Amino acid sequence: MYRRVLLISLVLSSFFSHAQEQDSIYDTPTKYDYLYATVSSGSLDSDIGENSNVTTWNLGGNGLVTEHWLVAVDYSARFVNLKSTDLRIDTLLAGGGYRFELTGDLDLVTVAQVGAIKAKETLESIDKTLYSESEFVYAGSLYLNYAFTEKTEGRLAAEFNRSDWIDENITRLEVNHYITPVIALGGFYTYRKANSHYSNEAGVSFRVLY
């Protein structure tokens, strides 16, 4: 399943170069043609700061194909330290979205993606795999992008992931500031509700325009 999603991702990534060529045509309040990396840490089933048993890494990229249509590829690796076991969840998603320009400084964006999710739980004391399972997953997101200044952007996002064994809803608040014309650093807060568990996470982000 990961091979099929990787193939989709490679096909979609070919649009990124097209988006780069057309970037100067589109006058958007916030940036869309970029690669990104984020890392966050937080607490499972407790308020943020009470423990640090959840870590999440994200890598991906976005690109405008037209003034309003965009493509997106995202990968995440999530590590959860339970009482006696360690859980790792890998998710690979690829898809596209549409940008609605609400005002000169504000965009509304919808994104739909499909992909694969893999979960692996190991017994920490002897590093023994208790189970490993992969599933098809579909996802969607709705977010507001706001340009505070020419260099500073904010985002409020609502996301979901669905498969046979995961029902996950995510809320994220993020701010990014461009320290150079092509590089941005930022910070974000994420609240994640998955089945009967929830987590509070805070992290940092890195973007590179292309």
N, C-alpha and C. Protein backbone atom coordinates (compact mmCIF):
# COMPACT_ATOMS: atom_id res chain seq x y z
N MET A 1 0.83 -1.20 0.00
CA MET A 1 0.00 0.00 0.00
C MET A 1 0.86 1.25 0.00
N TYR A 2 1.98 1.22 0.77
CA TYR A 2 2.86 2.37 0.80
C TYR A 2 3.46 2.64 -0.57
N ARG A 3 3.71 1.56 -1.36
CA ARG A 3 4.26 1.76 -2.69
C ARG A 3 3.30 2.53 -3.58
N ARG A 4 2.01 2.21 -3.49
CA ARG A 4 1.02 2.91 -4.30
C ARG A 4 0.91 4.38 -3.91
N VAL A 5 0.92 4.63 -2.60
CA VAL A 5 0.84 6.02 -2.14
C VAL A 5 2.10 6.78 -2.52
N LEU A 6 3.26 6.11 -2.47
CA LEU A 6 4.50 6.76 -2.87
C LEU A 6 4.45 7.13 -4.34
N LEU A 7 3.87 6.25 -5.17
CA LEU A 7 3.74 6.55 -6.59
C LEU A 7 2.86 7.77 -6.81
N ILE A 8 1.74 7.84 -6.08
CA ILE A 8 0.87 9.02 -6.16
C ILE A 8 1.63 10.27 -5.75
N SER A 9 2.42 10.14 -4.68
CA SER A 9 3.18 11.29 -4.19
C SER A 9 4.18 11.78 -5.22
N LEU A 10 4.84 10.84 -5.91
CA LEU A 10 5.81 11.23 -6.93
C LEU A 10 5.14 11.93 -8.10
N VAL A 11 3.95 11.43 -8.47
CA VAL A 11 3.22 12.07 -9.56
C VAL A 11 2.82 13.49 -9.18
N LEU A 12 2.30 13.63 -7.95
CA LEU A 12 1.89 14.96 -7.51
C LEU A 12 3.07 15.90 -7.36
N SER A 13 4.22 15.34 -6.96
CA SER A 13 5.39 16.21 -6.78
C SER A 13 5.84 16.82 -8.09
N SER A 14 5.52 16.18 -9.22
CA SER A 14 5.89 16.76 -10.51
C SER A 14 5.19 18.09 -10.75
N PHE A 15 4.03 18.27 -10.07
CA PHE A 15 3.32 19.54 -10.20
C PHE A 15 4.04 20.66 -9.46
N PHE A 16 4.89 20.32 -8.46
CA PHE A 16 5.58 21.35 -7.71
C PHE A 16 6.47 22.21 -8.60
N SER A 17 7.16 21.56 -9.54
CA SER A 17 8.01 22.31 -10.45
C SER A 17 7.18 23.23 -11.34
N HIS A 18 5.99 22.75 -11.73
CA HIS A 18 5.09 23.60 -12.51
C HIS A 18 4.64 24.80 -11.69
N ALA A 19 4.33 24.54 -10.42
CA ALA A 19 3.90 25.62 -9.52
C ALA A 19 5.01 26.65 -9.35
N GLN A 20 6.26 26.17 -9.29
CA GLN A 20 7.38 27.09 -9.15
C GLN A 20 7.48 28.02 -10.34
N GLU A 21 7.28 27.48 -11.55
CA GLU A 21 7.37 28.29 -12.76
C GLU A 21 6.28 29.34 -12.81
N GLN A 22 5.10 29.01 -12.23
CA GLN A 22 3.96 29.91 -12.32
C GLN A 22 3.81 30.83 -11.11
N ASP A 23 4.72 30.69 -10.13
CA ASP A 23 4.53 31.37 -8.85
C ASP A 23 4.38 32.88 -9.00
N SER A 24 5.13 33.51 -9.89
CA SER A 24 5.10 34.96 -10.00
C SER A 24 3.76 35.48 -10.50
N ILE A 25 2.93 34.61 -11.08
CA ILE A 25 1.65 35.03 -11.61
C ILE A 25 0.64 35.25 -10.49
N TYR A 26 0.74 34.45 -9.41
CA TYR A 26 -0.31 34.41 -8.40
C TYR A 26 -0.01 35.37 -7.26
N ASP A 27 -0.95 36.25 -7.00
CA ASP A 27 -0.83 37.22 -5.91
C ASP A 27 -1.69 36.72 -4.76
N THR A 28 -1.10 35.92 -3.85
CA THR A 28 -1.81 35.35 -2.72
C THR A 28 -1.34 36.00 -1.43
N PRO A 29 -2.22 36.13 -0.43
CA PRO A 29 -1.82 36.80 0.81
C PRO A 29 -0.78 36.02 1.61
N THR A 30 -0.79 34.68 1.53
CA THR A 30 0.19 33.85 2.23
C THR A 30 0.86 32.92 1.23
N LYS A 31 1.99 32.33 1.64
CA LYS A 31 2.79 31.51 0.74
C LYS A 31 2.22 30.09 0.67
N TYR A 32 2.30 29.49 -0.53
CA TYR A 32 1.80 28.13 -0.72
C TYR A 32 2.83 27.18 -1.34
N ASP A 33 3.83 27.70 -2.00
CA ASP A 33 4.83 26.85 -2.66
C ASP A 33 6.02 26.66 -1.73
N TYR A 34 5.97 25.64 -0.87
CA TYR A 34 7.05 25.45 0.09
C TYR A 34 7.17 23.98 0.51
N LEU A 35 8.35 23.63 0.99
CA LEU A 35 8.61 22.37 1.67
C LEU A 35 8.70 22.68 3.16
N TYR A 36 8.31 21.73 4.00
CA TYR A 36 8.29 22.02 5.43
C TYR A 36 8.73 20.81 6.26
N ALA A 37 9.15 21.11 7.48
CA ALA A 37 9.45 20.09 8.48
C ALA A 37 9.02 20.64 9.84
N THR A 38 8.40 19.79 10.65
CA THR A 38 8.00 20.21 12.00
C THR A 38 8.33 19.11 12.99
N VAL A 39 8.49 19.48 14.23
CA VAL A 39 8.63 18.53 15.32
C VAL A 39 7.87 19.08 16.52
N SER A 40 7.15 18.20 17.21
CA SER A 40 6.38 18.63 18.37
C SER A 40 6.46 17.56 19.46
N SER A 41 6.21 17.99 20.68
CA SER A 41 6.22 17.10 21.83
C SER A 41 5.08 17.50 22.75
N GLY A 42 4.54 16.50 23.46
CA GLY A 42 3.42 16.84 24.33
C GLY A 42 2.99 15.71 25.23
N SER A 43 1.75 15.83 25.70
CA SER A 43 1.23 14.95 26.73
C SER A 43 0.03 14.17 26.22
N LEU A 44 0.01 12.88 26.55
CA LEU A 44 -1.11 12.02 26.19
C LEU A 44 -2.09 11.95 27.36
N ASP A 45 -3.36 12.23 27.06
CA ASP A 45 -4.44 12.15 28.05
C ASP A 45 -4.17 12.99 29.30
N SER A 46 -3.51 14.13 29.12
CA SER A 46 -3.28 15.06 30.23
C SER A 46 -2.96 16.43 29.64
N ASP A 47 -2.95 17.44 30.51
CA ASP A 47 -2.66 18.79 30.05
C ASP A 47 -1.21 18.90 29.62
N ILE A 48 -0.94 19.80 28.69
CA ILE A 48 0.42 19.97 28.20
C ILE A 48 1.34 20.41 29.33
N GLY A 49 2.52 19.80 29.39
CA GLY A 49 3.47 20.11 30.44
C GLY A 49 3.48 19.10 31.57
N GLU A 50 2.41 18.31 31.72
CA GLU A 50 2.36 17.34 32.81
C GLU A 50 3.27 16.15 32.55
N ASN A 51 3.43 15.77 31.30
CA ASN A 51 4.40 14.74 30.93
C ASN A 51 4.83 15.00 29.49
N SER A 52 5.77 14.22 29.00
CA SER A 52 6.25 14.40 27.63
C SER A 52 6.40 13.02 27.01
N ASN A 53 5.27 12.38 26.73
CA ASN A 53 5.31 11.01 26.22
C ASN A 53 4.82 10.89 24.79
N VAL A 54 4.69 12.02 24.08
CA VAL A 54 4.28 12.00 22.68
C VAL A 54 5.23 12.91 21.88
N THR A 55 5.76 12.37 20.79
CA THR A 55 6.61 13.14 19.88
C THR A 55 6.14 12.89 18.46
N THR A 56 6.05 13.97 17.66
CA THR A 56 5.57 13.86 16.28
C THR A 56 6.50 14.63 15.35
N TRP A 57 6.92 13.95 14.26
CA TRP A 57 7.70 14.57 13.19
C TRP A 57 6.84 14.63 11.94
N ASN A 58 6.91 15.75 11.23
CA ASN A 58 6.17 15.91 9.98
C ASN A 58 7.09 16.44 8.89
N LEU A 59 6.93 15.90 7.68
CA LEU A 59 7.63 16.39 6.50
C LEU A 59 6.63 16.47 5.35
N GLY A 60 6.80 17.45 4.46
CA GLY A 60 5.88 17.51 3.34
C GLY A 60 6.12 18.71 2.46
N GLY A 61 5.17 18.93 1.57
CA GLY A 61 5.27 20.05 0.65
C GLY A 61 3.94 20.40 0.04
N ASN A 62 3.79 21.64 -0.35
CA ASN A 62 2.59 22.14 -1.03
C ASN A 62 3.00 22.88 -2.29
N GLY A 63 2.08 23.00 -3.24
CA GLY A 63 2.36 23.78 -4.43
C GLY A 63 1.09 24.18 -5.15
N LEU A 64 1.04 25.41 -5.59
CA LEU A 64 -0.09 25.89 -6.38
C LEU A 64 0.05 25.40 -7.82
N VAL A 65 -1.01 24.76 -8.33
CA VAL A 65 -1.05 24.34 -9.72
C VAL A 65 -1.67 25.45 -10.57
N THR A 66 -2.70 26.09 -10.03
CA THR A 66 -3.30 27.28 -10.63
C THR A 66 -3.40 28.32 -9.51
N GLU A 67 -4.08 29.41 -9.78
CA GLU A 67 -4.22 30.43 -8.75
C GLU A 67 -4.97 29.92 -7.53
N HIS A 68 -5.84 28.92 -7.71
CA HIS A 68 -6.68 28.44 -6.61
C HIS A 68 -6.46 26.96 -6.28
N TRP A 69 -6.08 26.13 -7.23
CA TRP A 69 -5.89 24.70 -6.97
C TRP A 69 -4.46 24.44 -6.53
N LEU A 70 -4.33 23.51 -5.57
CA LEU A 70 -3.01 23.18 -5.05
C LEU A 70 -2.89 21.68 -4.82
N VAL A 71 -1.65 21.19 -4.73
CA VAL A 71 -1.37 19.80 -4.39
C VAL A 71 -0.63 19.78 -3.06
N ALA A 72 -0.74 18.65 -2.34
CA ALA A 72 -0.12 18.54 -1.03
C ALA A 72 0.30 17.09 -0.77
N VAL A 73 1.52 16.91 -0.27
CA VAL A 73 2.03 15.61 0.14
C VAL A 73 2.55 15.75 1.57
N ASP A 74 2.12 14.85 2.45
CA ASP A 74 2.47 14.95 3.86
C ASP A 74 2.85 13.58 4.42
N TYR A 75 3.91 13.57 5.23
CA TYR A 75 4.32 12.35 5.96
C TYR A 75 4.48 12.71 7.43
N SER A 76 4.01 11.84 8.30
CA SER A 76 4.18 12.06 9.74
C SER A 76 4.60 10.76 10.41
N ALA A 77 5.45 10.90 11.43
CA ALA A 77 5.85 9.79 12.28
C ALA A 77 5.56 10.20 13.72
N ARG A 78 4.71 9.44 14.37
CA ARG A 78 4.24 9.78 15.72
C ARG A 78 4.68 8.68 16.69
N PHE A 79 5.31 9.08 17.79
CA PHE A 79 5.84 8.14 18.77
C PHE A 79 5.15 8.38 20.11
N VAL A 80 4.54 7.33 20.65
CA VAL A 80 3.81 7.43 21.92
C VAL A 80 4.42 6.44 22.90
N ASN A 81 4.89 6.94 24.03
CA ASN A 81 5.46 6.10 25.07
C ASN A 81 4.39 5.81 26.12
N LEU A 82 3.89 4.57 26.12
CA LEU A 82 2.88 4.15 27.08
C LEU A 82 3.57 3.58 28.33
N LYS A 83 2.81 2.98 29.23
CA LYS A 83 3.39 2.53 30.49
C LYS A 83 4.47 1.48 30.29
N SER A 84 4.21 0.50 29.45
CA SER A 84 5.19 -0.57 29.24
C SER A 84 5.47 -0.85 27.77
N THR A 85 4.80 -0.11 26.90
CA THR A 85 4.99 -0.33 25.47
C THR A 85 5.23 1.00 24.75
N ASP A 86 5.79 0.87 23.55
CA ASP A 86 6.00 2.03 22.69
C ASP A 86 5.17 1.85 21.43
N LEU A 87 4.46 2.91 21.03
CA LEU A 87 3.62 2.88 19.84
C LEU A 87 4.15 3.86 18.82
N ARG A 88 4.31 3.39 17.58
CA ARG A 88 4.72 4.26 16.48
C ARG A 88 3.66 4.22 15.39
N ILE A 89 3.25 5.40 14.93
CA ILE A 89 2.24 5.52 13.88
C ILE A 89 2.82 6.35 12.74
N ASP A 90 2.94 5.74 11.56
CA ASP A 90 3.42 6.43 10.37
C ASP A 90 2.25 6.66 9.42
N THR A 91 2.16 7.86 8.88
CA THR A 91 1.08 8.21 7.95
C THR A 91 1.66 8.92 6.74
N LEU A 92 1.27 8.46 5.55
CA LEU A 92 1.68 9.09 4.30
C LEU A 92 0.42 9.45 3.52
N LEU A 93 0.29 10.73 3.16
CA LEU A 93 -0.91 11.24 2.49
C LEU A 93 -0.54 12.07 1.26
N ALA A 94 -1.38 11.98 0.24
CA ALA A 94 -1.19 12.79 -0.96
C ALA A 94 -2.56 13.19 -1.49
N GLY A 95 -2.65 14.41 -1.98
CA GLY A 95 -3.94 14.88 -2.49
C GLY A 95 -3.88 16.31 -2.98
N GLY A 96 -5.02 16.96 -2.97
CA GLY A 96 -5.10 18.32 -3.47
C GLY A 96 -6.14 19.13 -2.73
N GLY A 97 -6.17 20.42 -3.05
CA GLY A 97 -7.10 21.30 -2.37
C GLY A 97 -7.45 22.51 -3.20
N TYR A 98 -8.27 23.37 -2.61
CA TYR A 98 -8.74 24.58 -3.29
C TYR A 98 -8.65 25.75 -2.33
N ARG A 99 -8.17 26.88 -2.86
CA ARG A 99 -7.99 28.10 -2.06
C ARG A 99 -9.08 29.12 -2.39
N PHE A 100 -9.79 29.55 -1.35
CA PHE A 100 -10.80 30.61 -1.48
C PHE A 100 -10.22 31.90 -0.90
N GLU A 101 -10.15 32.95 -1.68
CA GLU A 101 -9.66 34.22 -1.19
C GLU A 101 -10.83 35.00 -0.57
N LEU A 102 -10.79 35.13 0.76
CA LEU A 102 -11.88 35.81 1.46
C LEU A 102 -11.69 37.32 1.50
N THR A 103 -10.47 37.74 1.82
CA THR A 103 -10.11 39.17 1.80
C THR A 103 -8.69 39.28 1.25
N GLY A 104 -8.18 40.49 1.24
CA GLY A 104 -6.82 40.67 0.75
C GLY A 104 -5.76 40.04 1.63
N ASP A 105 -6.11 39.75 2.89
CA ASP A 105 -5.15 39.16 3.83
C ASP A 105 -5.53 37.77 4.31
N LEU A 106 -6.70 37.26 3.90
CA LEU A 106 -7.24 36.03 4.48
C LEU A 106 -7.69 35.06 3.40
N ASP A 107 -7.23 33.80 3.52
CA ASP A 107 -7.63 32.71 2.64
C ASP A 107 -8.29 31.59 3.44
N LEU A 108 -9.26 30.92 2.81
CA LEU A 108 -9.83 29.68 3.33
C LEU A 108 -9.43 28.57 2.38
N VAL A 109 -8.86 27.48 2.92
CA VAL A 109 -8.34 26.39 2.09
C VAL A 109 -8.95 25.07 2.54
N THR A 110 -9.39 24.27 1.55
CA THR A 110 -9.86 22.92 1.81
C THR A 110 -8.94 21.95 1.11
N VAL A 111 -8.61 20.84 1.79
CA VAL A 111 -7.70 19.83 1.24
C VAL A 111 -8.28 18.45 1.49
N ALA A 112 -8.22 17.57 0.48
CA ALA A 112 -8.61 16.17 0.60
C ALA A 112 -7.43 15.29 0.19
N GLN A 113 -7.16 14.24 0.97
CA GLN A 113 -6.01 13.38 0.71
C GLN A 113 -6.35 11.92 0.97
N VAL A 114 -5.61 11.03 0.35
CA VAL A 114 -5.69 9.59 0.62
C VAL A 114 -4.28 9.07 0.83
N GLY A 115 -4.17 7.91 1.47
CA GLY A 115 -2.85 7.37 1.72
C GLY A 115 -2.88 6.11 2.54
N ALA A 116 -1.84 5.91 3.32
CA ALA A 116 -1.69 4.71 4.13
C ALA A 116 -1.24 5.10 5.53
N ILE A 117 -1.65 4.29 6.50
CA ILE A 117 -1.25 4.48 7.89
C ILE A 117 -0.77 3.14 8.43
N LYS A 118 0.31 3.17 9.18
CA LYS A 118 0.88 1.96 9.76
C LYS A 118 1.12 2.18 11.24
N ALA A 119 0.68 1.23 12.05
CA ALA A 119 0.88 1.29 13.50
C ALA A 119 1.68 0.07 13.95
N LYS A 120 2.63 0.32 14.82
CA LYS A 120 3.47 -0.75 15.36
C LYS A 120 3.65 -0.53 16.84
N GLU A 121 3.32 -1.54 17.64
CA GLU A 121 3.49 -1.46 19.10
C GLU A 121 4.52 -2.49 19.54
N THR A 122 5.47 -2.04 20.35
CA THR A 122 6.53 -2.93 20.83
C THR A 122 6.58 -2.91 22.36
N LEU A 123 6.98 -4.05 22.92
CA LEU A 123 7.17 -4.16 24.36
C LEU A 123 8.53 -3.55 24.69
N GLU A 124 8.53 -2.49 25.47
CA GLU A 124 9.72 -1.68 25.66
C GLU A 124 10.86 -2.45 26.30
N SER A 125 10.57 -3.32 27.26
CA SER A 125 11.62 -3.98 28.04
C SER A 125 12.47 -4.93 27.20
N ILE A 126 11.86 -5.60 26.21
CA ILE A 126 12.61 -6.57 25.40
C ILE A 126 12.54 -6.24 23.91
N ASP A 127 11.99 -5.09 23.56
CA ASP A 127 11.90 -4.65 22.17
C ASP A 127 11.22 -5.71 21.30
N LYS A 128 10.13 -6.27 21.79
CA LYS A 128 9.38 -7.29 21.04
C LYS A 128 8.14 -6.66 20.41
N THR A 129 7.91 -6.95 19.13
CA THR A 129 6.75 -6.40 18.43
C THR A 129 5.48 -7.13 18.86
N LEU A 130 4.53 -6.37 19.39
CA LEU A 130 3.26 -6.96 19.81
C LEU A 130 2.29 -7.02 18.65
N TYR A 131 2.28 -6.00 17.81
CA TYR A 131 1.50 -6.04 16.58
C TYR A 131 2.00 -4.97 15.61
N SER A 132 1.72 -5.19 14.34
CA SER A 132 2.06 -4.25 13.29
C SER A 132 0.99 -4.34 12.23
N GLU A 133 0.39 -3.22 11.88
CA GLU A 133 -0.75 -3.24 10.97
C GLU A 133 -0.75 -2.01 10.08
N SER A 134 -1.09 -2.20 8.80
CA SER A 134 -1.19 -1.10 7.84
C SER A 134 -2.60 -1.04 7.29
N GLU A 135 -3.07 0.18 7.03
CA GLU A 135 -4.43 0.38 6.54
C GLU A 135 -4.46 1.55 5.56
N PHE A 136 -5.48 1.52 4.69
CA PHE A 136 -5.81 2.67 3.86
C PHE A 136 -6.40 3.76 4.74
N VAL A 137 -6.08 5.01 4.47
CA VAL A 137 -6.60 6.12 5.25
C VAL A 137 -6.99 7.25 4.31
N TYR A 138 -8.06 7.96 4.66
CA TYR A 138 -8.40 9.18 3.94
C TYR A 138 -8.47 10.32 4.94
N ALA A 139 -8.20 11.52 4.44
CA ALA A 139 -8.06 12.66 5.34
C ALA A 139 -8.59 13.91 4.68
N GLY A 140 -8.93 14.87 5.51
CA GLY A 140 -9.39 16.16 5.02
C GLY A 140 -9.00 17.26 5.99
N SER A 141 -8.89 18.46 5.49
CA SER A 141 -8.55 19.60 6.35
C SER A 141 -9.20 20.86 5.82
N LEU A 142 -9.46 21.74 6.75
CA LEU A 142 -10.04 23.06 6.47
C LEU A 142 -9.26 24.05 7.31
N TYR A 143 -8.65 25.05 6.65
CA TYR A 143 -7.88 26.00 7.44
C TYR A 143 -7.95 27.41 6.89
N LEU A 144 -7.73 28.33 7.82
CA LEU A 144 -7.67 29.75 7.51
C LEU A 144 -6.22 30.20 7.56
N ASN A 145 -5.77 30.85 6.49
CA ASN A 145 -4.43 31.44 6.43
C ASN A 145 -4.58 32.95 6.47
N TYR A 146 -3.84 33.58 7.39
CA TYR A 146 -3.94 35.04 7.54
C TYR A 146 -2.54 35.66 7.49
N ALA A 147 -2.39 36.71 6.69
CA ALA A 147 -1.13 37.43 6.59
C ALA A 147 -1.15 38.61 7.56
N PHE A 148 -0.47 38.48 8.70
CA PHE A 148 -0.38 39.58 9.65
C PHE A 148 0.46 40.71 9.05
N THR A 149 1.59 40.34 8.45
CA THR A 149 2.45 41.27 7.73
C THR A 149 2.96 40.55 6.49
N GLU A 150 3.82 41.20 5.76
CA GLU A 150 4.40 40.58 4.56
C GLU A 150 5.27 39.38 4.93
N LYS A 151 5.80 39.37 6.17
CA LYS A 151 6.71 38.30 6.59
C LYS A 151 6.12 37.33 7.61
N THR A 152 4.98 37.66 8.18
CA THR A 152 4.42 36.85 9.26
C THR A 152 3.03 36.33 8.89
N GLU A 153 2.83 35.01 9.02
CA GLU A 153 1.57 34.38 8.66
C GLU A 153 1.04 33.54 9.83
N GLY A 154 -0.28 33.45 9.91
CA GLY A 154 -0.92 32.62 10.90
C GLY A 154 -1.86 31.62 10.25
N ARG A 155 -2.08 30.50 10.93
CA ARG A 155 -2.98 29.48 10.40
C ARG A 155 -3.78 28.85 11.54
N LEU A 156 -5.08 28.71 11.32
CA LEU A 156 -5.96 27.96 12.21
C LEU A 156 -6.55 26.83 11.39
N ALA A 157 -6.29 25.58 11.79
CA ALA A 157 -6.65 24.42 10.97
C ALA A 157 -7.46 23.41 11.75
N ALA A 158 -8.41 22.78 11.06
CA ALA A 158 -9.16 21.64 11.57
C ALA A 158 -8.95 20.48 10.58
N GLU A 159 -8.50 19.33 11.08
CA GLU A 159 -8.15 18.21 10.23
C GLU A 159 -8.78 16.92 10.77
N PHE A 160 -8.92 15.93 9.88
CA PHE A 160 -9.37 14.61 10.32
C PHE A 160 -8.66 13.53 9.52
N ASN A 161 -8.45 12.37 10.16
CA ASN A 161 -7.94 11.15 9.52
C ASN A 161 -8.90 10.01 9.85
N ARG A 162 -9.23 9.22 8.83
CA ARG A 162 -10.16 8.11 9.03
C ARG A 162 -9.63 6.83 8.37
N SER A 163 -9.69 5.72 9.13
CA SER A 163 -9.40 4.40 8.59
C SER A 163 -10.26 3.41 9.36
N ASP A 164 -10.05 2.12 9.13
CA ASP A 164 -10.86 1.11 9.82
C ASP A 164 -10.65 1.13 11.32
N TRP A 165 -9.44 1.54 11.77
CA TRP A 165 -9.17 1.47 13.21
C TRP A 165 -8.75 2.79 13.84
N ILE A 166 -8.80 3.88 13.08
CA ILE A 166 -8.50 5.17 13.69
C ILE A 166 -9.54 6.20 13.30
N ASP A 167 -9.94 6.98 14.26
CA ASP A 167 -10.90 8.07 14.07
C ASP A 167 -10.29 9.28 14.77
N GLU A 168 -9.58 10.11 14.00
CA GLU A 168 -8.74 11.15 14.58
C GLU A 168 -9.17 12.53 14.11
N ASN A 169 -9.30 13.46 15.06
CA ASN A 169 -9.60 14.86 14.77
C ASN A 169 -8.49 15.73 15.35
N ILE A 170 -8.06 16.72 14.58
CA ILE A 170 -6.91 17.54 14.97
C ILE A 170 -7.26 19.01 14.81
N THR A 171 -6.90 19.81 15.81
CA THR A 171 -7.00 21.26 15.74
C THR A 171 -5.61 21.84 15.93
N ARG A 172 -5.24 22.79 15.05
CA ARG A 172 -3.87 23.32 15.09
C ARG A 172 -3.88 24.84 14.93
N LEU A 173 -3.07 25.50 15.75
CA LEU A 173 -2.86 26.94 15.65
C LEU A 173 -1.37 27.17 15.41
N GLU A 174 -1.03 27.90 14.34
CA GLU A 174 0.37 28.01 13.92
C GLU A 174 0.69 29.43 13.47
N VAL A 175 1.91 29.89 13.77
CA VAL A 175 2.41 31.17 13.31
C VAL A 175 3.80 30.95 12.73
N ASN A 176 4.05 31.51 11.52
CA ASN A 176 5.35 31.40 10.87
C ASN A 176 5.85 32.79 10.48
N HIS A 177 7.15 32.99 10.63
CA HIS A 177 7.78 34.28 10.28
C HIS A 177 8.95 34.02 9.35
N TYR A 178 8.98 34.74 8.22
CA TYR A 178 10.06 34.58 7.25
C TYR A 178 11.26 35.41 7.66
N ILE A 179 12.33 34.70 8.02
CA ILE A 179 13.56 35.38 8.44
C ILE A 179 14.43 35.75 7.25
N THR A 180 14.17 35.13 6.10
CA THR A 180 14.78 35.50 4.82
C THR A 180 13.67 35.45 3.78
N PRO A 181 13.91 35.86 2.55
CA PRO A 181 12.85 35.78 1.54
C PRO A 181 12.33 34.37 1.28
N VAL A 182 13.10 33.32 1.66
CA VAL A 182 12.67 31.95 1.35
C VAL A 182 12.61 31.03 2.55
N ILE A 183 13.03 31.46 3.71
CA ILE A 183 13.08 30.60 4.90
C ILE A 183 12.21 31.18 6.00
N ALA A 184 11.36 30.31 6.59
CA ALA A 184 10.49 30.73 7.69
C ALA A 184 10.66 29.81 8.88
N LEU A 185 10.60 30.38 10.06
CA LEU A 185 10.58 29.63 11.31
C LEU A 185 9.27 29.94 12.02
N GLY A 186 8.75 28.95 12.75
CA GLY A 186 7.47 29.18 13.41
C GLY A 186 7.26 28.28 14.60
N GLY A 187 6.12 28.48 15.23
CA GLY A 187 5.71 27.66 16.35
C GLY A 187 4.24 27.33 16.23
N PHE A 188 3.81 26.23 16.88
CA PHE A 188 2.41 25.82 16.77
C PHE A 188 1.97 25.02 17.99
N TYR A 189 0.66 24.96 18.17
CA TYR A 189 0.02 24.14 19.19
C TYR A 189 -0.99 23.23 18.51
N THR A 190 -1.01 21.95 18.94
CA THR A 190 -1.92 20.96 18.34
C THR A 190 -2.70 20.24 19.43
N TYR A 191 -4.01 20.15 19.24
CA TYR A 191 -4.85 19.29 20.07
C TYR A 191 -5.35 18.16 19.18
N ARG A 192 -5.10 16.93 19.63
CA ARG A 192 -5.42 15.75 18.82
C ARG A 192 -6.32 14.81 19.62
N LYS A 193 -7.44 14.43 19.02
CA LYS A 193 -8.37 13.48 19.65
C LYS A 193 -8.46 12.26 18.74
N ALA A 194 -7.98 11.11 19.24
CA ALA A 194 -7.95 9.87 18.45
C ALA A 194 -8.64 8.77 19.24
N ASN A 195 -9.79 8.33 18.72
CA ASN A 195 -10.60 7.31 19.40
C ASN A 195 -10.90 7.79 20.82
N SER A 196 -10.44 7.08 21.86
CA SER A 196 -10.76 7.48 23.23
C SER A 196 -9.63 8.26 23.88
N HIS A 197 -8.58 8.59 23.13
CA HIS A 197 -7.42 9.29 23.70
C HIS A 197 -7.27 10.68 23.09
N TYR A 198 -6.57 11.54 23.82
CA TYR A 198 -6.29 12.87 23.31
C TYR A 198 -4.87 13.26 23.68
N SER A 199 -4.34 14.26 22.98
CA SER A 199 -3.00 14.76 23.31
C SER A 199 -2.94 16.25 23.08
N ASN A 200 -2.08 16.91 23.84
CA ASN A 200 -1.76 18.32 23.69
C ASN A 200 -0.28 18.41 23.32
N GLU A 201 0.03 19.09 22.21
CA GLU A 201 1.41 19.14 21.74
C GLU A 201 1.78 20.57 21.32
N ALA A 202 3.03 20.92 21.56
CA ALA A 202 3.59 22.19 21.10
C ALA A 202 4.86 21.90 20.31
N GLY A 203 5.11 22.69 19.26
CA GLY A 203 6.26 22.38 18.43
C GLY A 203 6.78 23.57 17.66
N VAL A 204 7.80 23.30 16.85
CA VAL A 204 8.42 24.31 16.00
C VAL A 204 8.36 23.84 14.56
N SER A 205 8.37 24.80 13.63
CA SER A 205 8.25 24.48 12.21
C SER A 205 9.34 25.20 11.42
N PHE A 206 9.66 24.62 10.27
CA PHE A 206 10.68 25.16 9.36
C PHE A 206 10.14 25.05 7.95
N ARG A 207 10.17 26.15 7.19
CA ARG A 207 9.69 26.17 5.81
C ARG A 207 10.77 26.71 4.87
N VAL A 208 10.77 26.16 3.66
CA VAL A 208 11.63 26.66 2.59
C VAL A 208 10.79 26.86 1.35
N LEU A 209 10.72 28.08 0.85
CA LEU A 209 10.01 28.35 -0.39
C LEU A 209 10.83 27.83 -1.57
N TYR A 210 10.12 27.42 -2.62
CA TYR A 210 10.83 26.99 -3.84
C TYR A 210 10.25 27.68 -5.06
